[in-house]
Amino acid sequence: MNFIIKKKFFFKKTDFFNEFYNFKKKFFQKKTDFFNEFYNFKKKFFKKIKKNFFKKNGFF
């Protein structure tokens, strides 16, 4: 009897941890997506600034 209760409890615990793990994974995925977007935006932005800067100062 005791064994069965422990087993059920253990399964519930693993379910909880799986849920938690999936949540964390999704959360970090979203975070990395956000950082990738931000990084790409920054790259484009700085490229534009550099181009304009060099054009204005007669490098090209």
N, C-alpha and C. Protein backbone atom coordinates (compact mmCIF):
# COMPACT_ATOMS: atom_id res chain seq x y z
N MET A 1 0.84 -1.21 0.00
CA MET A 1 0.00 0.00 0.00
C MET A 1 0.87 1.25 0.00
N ASN A 2 1.80 1.28 0.92
CA ASN A 2 2.69 2.43 1.05
C ASN A 2 3.47 2.66 -0.25
N PHE A 3 3.90 1.57 -0.83
CA PHE A 3 4.67 1.63 -2.07
C PHE A 3 3.88 2.32 -3.18
N ILE A 4 2.59 1.94 -3.30
CA ILE A 4 1.74 2.51 -4.34
C ILE A 4 1.59 4.02 -4.14
N ILE A 5 1.36 4.43 -2.92
CA ILE A 5 1.22 5.87 -2.63
C ILE A 5 2.50 6.61 -3.01
N LYS A 6 3.63 6.05 -2.62
CA LYS A 6 4.91 6.67 -2.97
C LYS A 6 5.06 6.78 -4.47
N LYS A 7 4.70 5.71 -5.16
CA LYS A 7 4.83 5.69 -6.61
C LYS A 7 3.98 6.80 -7.23
N LYS A 8 2.73 6.91 -6.78
CA LYS A 8 1.84 7.96 -7.30
C LYS A 8 2.43 9.33 -7.03
N PHE A 9 2.89 9.52 -5.84
CA PHE A 9 3.49 10.80 -5.45
C PHE A 9 4.68 11.11 -6.35
N PHE A 10 5.50 10.09 -6.57
CA PHE A 10 6.68 10.27 -7.40
C PHE A 10 6.29 10.67 -8.82
N PHE A 11 5.26 10.02 -9.35
CA PHE A 11 4.82 10.35 -10.71
C PHE A 11 4.30 11.78 -10.77
N LYS A 12 3.56 12.16 -9.76
CA LYS A 12 3.06 13.53 -9.72
C LYS A 12 4.23 14.51 -9.70
N LYS A 13 5.24 14.18 -8.91
CA LYS A 13 6.41 15.04 -8.82
C LYS A 13 7.09 15.16 -10.18
N THR A 14 7.27 14.04 -10.85
CA THR A 14 7.94 14.09 -12.16
C THR A 14 7.09 14.89 -13.14
N ASP A 15 5.78 14.72 -13.09
CA ASP A 15 4.91 15.52 -13.96
C ASP A 15 5.14 17.00 -13.69
N PHE A 16 5.16 17.34 -12.44
CA PHE A 16 5.38 18.74 -12.07
C PHE A 16 6.71 19.24 -12.63
N PHE A 17 7.76 18.43 -12.44
CA PHE A 17 9.09 18.84 -12.92
C PHE A 17 9.12 18.94 -14.44
N ASN A 18 8.43 18.01 -15.11
CA ASN A 18 8.37 18.08 -16.58
C ASN A 18 7.70 19.36 -17.02
N GLU A 19 6.58 19.68 -16.37
CA GLU A 19 5.86 20.91 -16.70
C GLU A 19 6.77 22.11 -16.49
N PHE A 20 7.41 22.12 -15.35
CA PHE A 20 8.30 23.22 -14.98
C PHE A 20 9.43 23.34 -16.00
N TYR A 21 10.00 22.20 -16.36
CA TYR A 21 11.10 22.17 -17.33
C TYR A 21 10.63 22.72 -18.68
N ASN A 22 9.47 22.28 -19.12
CA ASN A 22 8.94 22.76 -20.40
C ASN A 22 8.69 24.25 -20.35
N PHE A 23 8.15 24.70 -19.24
CA PHE A 23 7.90 26.14 -19.07
C PHE A 23 9.21 26.90 -19.17
N LYS A 24 10.22 26.42 -18.44
CA LYS A 24 11.52 27.09 -18.45
C LYS A 24 12.10 27.12 -19.86
N LYS A 25 12.00 25.99 -20.56
CA LYS A 25 12.52 25.89 -21.91
C LYS A 25 11.85 26.92 -22.80
N LYS A 26 10.53 26.98 -22.73
CA LYS A 26 9.78 27.93 -23.55
C LYS A 26 10.18 29.36 -23.20
N PHE A 27 10.29 29.62 -21.92
CA PHE A 27 10.65 30.95 -21.46
C PHE A 27 12.01 31.36 -22.01
N PHE A 28 13.00 30.45 -21.90
CA PHE A 28 14.34 30.77 -22.39
C PHE A 28 14.35 30.89 -23.90
N GLN A 29 13.53 30.08 -24.57
CA GLN A 29 13.42 30.18 -26.02
C GLN A 29 12.95 31.58 -26.39
N LYS A 30 11.90 32.03 -25.68
CA LYS A 30 11.37 33.37 -25.94
C LYS A 30 12.43 34.43 -25.67
N LYS A 31 13.16 34.25 -24.57
CA LYS A 31 14.20 35.22 -24.22
C LYS A 31 15.25 35.28 -25.31
N THR A 32 15.71 34.11 -25.78
CA THR A 32 16.73 34.11 -26.82
C THR A 32 16.17 34.71 -28.10
N ASP A 33 14.91 34.43 -28.41
CA ASP A 33 14.29 35.05 -29.59
C ASP A 33 14.33 36.55 -29.46
N PHE A 34 13.97 37.03 -28.29
CA PHE A 34 13.97 38.47 -28.05
C PHE A 34 15.38 39.04 -28.24
N PHE A 35 16.38 38.37 -27.66
CA PHE A 35 17.76 38.86 -27.79
C PHE A 35 18.23 38.82 -29.23
N ASN A 36 17.83 37.78 -29.98
CA ASN A 36 18.21 37.70 -31.39
C ASN A 36 17.61 38.87 -32.16
N GLU A 37 16.34 39.13 -31.90
CA GLU A 37 15.66 40.25 -32.57
C GLU A 37 16.39 41.54 -32.25
N PHE A 38 16.67 41.73 -30.98
CA PHE A 38 17.32 42.95 -30.51
C PHE A 38 18.69 43.09 -31.16
N TYR A 39 19.44 41.99 -31.20
CA TYR A 39 20.78 41.98 -31.79
C TYR A 39 20.72 42.36 -33.27
N ASN A 40 19.77 41.75 -33.99
CA ASN A 40 19.63 42.04 -35.42
C ASN A 40 19.27 43.51 -35.62
N PHE A 41 18.38 44.00 -34.79
CA PHE A 41 17.97 45.41 -34.88
C PHE A 41 19.19 46.31 -34.68
N LYS A 42 19.98 46.01 -33.64
CA LYS A 42 21.16 46.82 -33.33
C LYS A 42 22.14 46.80 -34.50
N LYS A 43 22.35 45.61 -35.06
CA LYS A 43 23.28 45.46 -36.16
C LYS A 43 22.84 46.35 -37.33
N LYS A 44 21.57 46.26 -37.70
CA LYS A 44 21.05 47.06 -38.81
C LYS A 44 21.18 48.54 -38.51
N PHE A 45 20.82 48.90 -37.31
CA PHE A 45 20.84 50.30 -36.88
C PHE A 45 22.25 50.87 -36.99
N PHE A 46 23.24 50.15 -36.46
CA PHE A 46 24.62 50.63 -36.48
C PHE A 46 25.18 50.66 -37.90
N LYS A 47 24.75 49.72 -38.73
CA LYS A 47 25.18 49.73 -40.13
C LYS A 47 24.73 51.02 -40.78
N LYS A 48 23.47 51.38 -40.56
CA LYS A 48 22.91 52.60 -41.14
C LYS A 48 23.69 53.81 -40.66
N ILE A 49 23.94 53.87 -39.36
CA ILE A 49 24.66 55.01 -38.78
C ILE A 49 26.05 55.12 -39.41
N LYS A 50 26.75 53.99 -39.49
CA LYS A 50 28.10 53.99 -40.06
C LYS A 50 28.08 54.50 -41.49
N LYS A 51 27.14 53.97 -42.28
CA LYS A 51 27.04 54.40 -43.67
C LYS A 51 26.84 55.90 -43.76
N ASN A 52 25.88 56.39 -43.03
CA ASN A 52 25.57 57.83 -43.07
C ASN A 52 26.75 58.65 -42.59
N PHE A 53 27.40 58.18 -41.56
CA PHE A 53 28.54 58.89 -41.00
C PHE A 53 29.66 59.01 -42.04
N PHE A 54 29.96 57.88 -42.69
CA PHE A 54 31.05 57.91 -43.67
C PHE A 54 30.68 58.72 -44.90
N LYS A 55 29.42 58.66 -45.29
CA LYS A 55 28.97 59.45 -46.45
C LYS A 55 29.11 60.94 -46.15
N LYS A 56 28.67 61.32 -44.98
CA LYS A 56 28.72 62.74 -44.58
C LYS A 56 30.14 63.25 -44.52
N ASN A 57 31.06 62.40 -44.06
CA ASN A 57 32.44 62.84 -43.88
C ASN A 57 33.31 62.58 -45.10
N GLY A 58 32.68 62.17 -46.20
CA GLY A 58 33.40 62.05 -47.47
C GLY A 58 34.35 60.88 -47.56
N PHE A 59 34.08 59.80 -46.85
CA PHE A 59 34.95 58.63 -46.97
C PHE A 59 34.62 57.84 -48.22
N PHE A 60 33.33 57.90 -48.63
CA PHE A 60 32.93 57.12 -49.82
C PHE A 60 32.59 58.03 -50.96
